[in-house]
């Protein structure tokens, strides 16, 4: 066997040293390059998932606010109709006055409900925007701070090119 190695020009001592060097290199790369990159990618996935969940929760809150708005409008309309119905049972002389007052009150309730609903929707949208902006800013700052500037620039340029291609 030793003769076979020497016939092919392989020095077994040199081969053994190269195998040991390769094993050391694999260990070092595994420890100091592969694991930190995987950890960073896992953290980024978790942050993206949190952002998506926050977005879904905000959408759900907005839908709930719309439902509340509809319920308030229905209730206001029902209240207005009840007031109108009660007014019709009263004397004919005051019927027109009571109906006008009830309609005015109903419109005020509807306007107030719409105003309240719009304010709540705007407030929720503003809070969502602020929270999303803060989360995205913090996440991007952390991710970009960990990246090599040259590598970061290359990735951002590649992403921009990809976005331009998909926008067409």
Protein backbone atom coordinates (compact mmCIF):
# COMPACT_ATOMS: atom_id res chain seq x y z
CA UNK A 1 0.00 0.00 0.00
CA UNK A 2 2.86 2.33 0.88
CA UNK A 3 4.45 1.53 -2.47
CA UNK A 4 1.22 2.41 -4.23
CA UNK A 5 1.19 5.87 -2.56
CA UNK A 6 4.82 6.49 -3.48
CA UNK A 7 4.23 5.36 -7.09
CA UNK A 8 1.49 7.98 -7.43
CA UNK A 9 3.73 10.59 -5.80
CA UNK A 10 1.68 10.93 -2.60
CA UNK A 11 3.57 11.64 0.59
CA UNK A 12 1.49 10.12 3.41
CA UNK A 13 2.93 12.51 6.00
CA UNK A 14 1.98 15.51 3.90
CA UNK A 15 -1.44 13.97 3.22
CA UNK A 16 -2.03 13.44 6.94
CA UNK A 17 -0.97 17.04 7.70
CA UNK A 18 -3.39 18.34 5.03
CA UNK A 19 -6.25 16.26 6.49
CA UNK A 20 -5.54 17.69 9.96
CA UNK A 21 -5.35 21.25 8.56
CA UNK A 22 -8.62 20.74 6.68
CA UNK A 23 -10.34 19.46 9.83
CA UNK A 24 -9.12 22.50 11.79
CA UNK A 25 -10.34 24.82 9.03
CA UNK A 26 -13.77 23.15 8.99
CA UNK A 27 -14.01 23.48 12.78
CA UNK A 28 -13.06 27.17 12.74
CA UNK A 29 -15.45 28.02 9.92
CA UNK A 30 -18.26 26.13 11.63
CA UNK A 31 -17.65 27.88 14.93
CA UNK A 32 -16.93 31.45 13.86
CA UNK A 33 -18.67 31.89 10.50
CA UNK A 34 -21.57 29.48 9.94
CA UNK A 35 -23.24 29.58 13.38
CA UNK A 36 -23.29 33.40 13.74
CA UNK A 37 -24.73 33.83 10.26
CA UNK A 38 -27.45 31.25 10.94
CA UNK A 39 -28.22 32.93 14.28
CA UNK A 40 -28.51 36.33 12.60
CA UNK A 41 -30.84 34.92 9.94
CA UNK A 42 -33.04 33.27 12.59
CA UNK A 43 -33.29 36.55 14.51
CA UNK A 44 -34.22 38.38 11.34
CA UNK A 45 -36.92 35.82 10.54
CA UNK A 46 -38.33 36.24 14.05
CA UNK A 47 -38.44 40.03 13.71
CA UNK A 48 -40.13 39.83 10.34
CA UNK A 49 -42.67 37.40 11.79
CA UNK A 50 -43.35 39.81 14.67
CA UNK A 51 -43.87 42.63 12.20
CA UNK A 52 -46.31 40.57 10.17
CA UNK A 53 -48.21 39.58 13.32
CA UNK A 54 -48.37 43.22 14.43
CA UNK A 55 -49.67 44.19 11.01
CA UNK A 56 -52.34 41.47 11.16
CA UNK A 57 -53.35 42.59 14.66
CA UNK A 58 -53.66 46.18 13.46
CA UNK A 59 -55.79 45.09 10.53
CA UNK A 60 -57.99 43.12 12.89
CA UNK A 61 -58.36 46.14 15.19
CA UNK A 62 -59.27 48.28 12.21
CA UNK A 63 -61.90 45.73 11.15
CA UNK A 64 -63.27 45.68 14.70
CA UNK A 65 -63.44 49.46 14.67
CA UNK A 66 -65.39 49.32 11.41
CA UNK A 67 -67.78 46.79 12.96
CA UNK A 68 -68.21 49.02 16.00
CA UNK A 69 -68.87 51.94 13.69
CA UNK A 70 -71.56 49.98 11.88
CA UNK A 71 -73.14 48.88 15.16
CA UNK A 72 -73.15 52.46 16.44
CA UNK A 73 -74.74 53.64 13.21
CA UNK A 74 -77.40 50.93 13.38
CA UNK A 75 -78.08 51.71 17.01
CA UNK A 76 -78.24 55.42 16.25
CA UNK A 77 -80.65 54.79 13.41
CA UNK A 78 -82.74 52.51 15.63
CA UNK A 79 -82.72 55.12 18.37
CA UNK A 80 -83.77 57.77 15.89
CA UNK A 81 -86.57 55.55 14.57
CA UNK A 82 -87.73 54.83 18.10
CA UNK A 83 -87.86 58.52 18.87
CA UNK A 84 -89.76 59.12 15.64
CA UNK A 85 -92.19 56.29 16.44
CA UNK A 86 -92.82 57.65 19.92
CA UNK A 87 -93.34 61.10 18.48
CA UNK A 88 -96.00 59.83 16.07
CA UNK A 89 -98.00 58.50 19.02
CA UNK A 90 -98.18 61.93 20.57
CA UNK A 91 -100.54 64.68 19.63
CA UNK A 92 -100.65 65.73 15.97
CA UNK A 93 -99.96 69.30 16.94
CA UNK A 94 -96.50 68.49 18.33
CA UNK A 95 -95.75 65.62 15.94
CA UNK A 96 -93.80 67.73 13.45
CA UNK A 97 -91.72 69.33 16.22
CA UNK A 98 -90.90 66.01 17.87
CA UNK A 99 -90.05 64.34 14.56
CA UNK A 100 -87.72 67.18 13.59
CA UNK A 101 -86.04 67.06 17.01
CA UNK A 102 -85.62 63.29 16.81
CA UNK A 103 -84.19 63.44 13.33
CA UNK A 104 -81.81 66.19 14.37
CA UNK A 105 -80.74 64.17 17.39
CA UNK A 106 -80.35 61.06 15.26
CA UNK A 107 -78.20 62.92 12.78
CA UNK A 108 -76.13 64.34 15.60
CA UNK A 109 -75.66 60.85 17.04
CA UNK A 110 -74.73 59.54 13.60
CA UNK A 111 -72.36 62.44 12.99
CA UNK A 112 -70.85 61.99 16.45
CA UNK A 113 -70.56 58.23 15.91
CA UNK A 114 -68.95 58.75 12.53
CA UNK A 115 -66.62 61.35 13.96
CA UNK A 116 -65.70 59.06 16.85
CA UNK A 117 -65.22 56.13 14.50
CA UNK A 118 -63.07 58.19 12.14
CA UNK A 119 -60.99 59.51 15.04
CA UNK A 120 -60.49 55.98 16.36
CA UNK A 121 -59.56 54.69 12.91
CA UNK A 122 -57.08 57.54 12.39
CA UNK A 123 -55.63 57.01 15.85
CA UNK A 124 -55.20 53.28 15.23
CA UNK A 125 -53.65 53.90 11.82
CA UNK A 126 -51.27 56.45 13.34
CA UNK A 127 -50.30 54.09 16.16
CA UNK A 128 -49.77 51.29 13.68
CA UNK A 129 -47.62 53.52 11.51
CA UNK A 130 -45.56 54.68 14.48
CA UNK A 131 -45.12 51.15 15.83
CA UNK A 132 -44.28 49.73 12.42
CA UNK A 133 -41.84 52.57 11.75
CA UNK A 134 -40.12 52.07 15.10
CA UNK A 135 -39.95 48.28 14.74
CA UNK A 136 -38.71 48.43 11.18
CA UNK A 137 -36.20 51.14 12.05
CA UNK A 138 -34.82 49.20 14.99
CA UNK A 139 -34.72 45.95 13.07
CA UNK A 140 -33.01 47.49 10.08
CA UNK A 141 -30.54 49.35 12.29
CA UNK A 142 -29.55 46.14 14.07
CA UNK A 143 -29.31 44.10 10.90
CA UNK A 144 -27.41 46.78 8.99
CA UNK A 145 -25.05 47.41 11.91
CA UNK A 146 -24.04 43.75 11.89
CA UNK A 147 -23.36 43.63 8.18
CA UNK A 148 -20.15 44.58 6.41
CA UNK A 149 -20.77 47.93 4.63
CA UNK A 150 -19.65 46.61 1.26
CA UNK A 151 -21.76 43.48 1.61
CA UNK A 152 -24.74 45.54 2.83
CA UNK A 153 -24.45 47.88 -0.18
CA UNK A 154 -24.29 44.95 -2.57
CA UNK A 155 -27.35 43.34 -0.97
CA UNK A 156 -29.34 46.59 -1.03
CA UNK A 157 -28.43 47.21 -4.68
CA UNK A 158 -29.38 43.65 -5.59
CA UNK A 159 -32.70 43.99 -3.75
CA UNK A 160 -33.42 47.31 -5.48
CA UNK A 161 -32.72 45.76 -8.88
CA UNK A 162 -34.98 42.82 -8.00
CA UNK A 163 -37.77 45.23 -7.00
CA UNK A 164 -37.39 47.19 -10.21
CA UNK A 165 -37.62 44.03 -12.28
CA UNK A 166 -40.78 42.88 -10.46
CA UNK A 167 -42.33 46.36 -10.71
CA UNK A 168 -42.34 46.17 -14.52
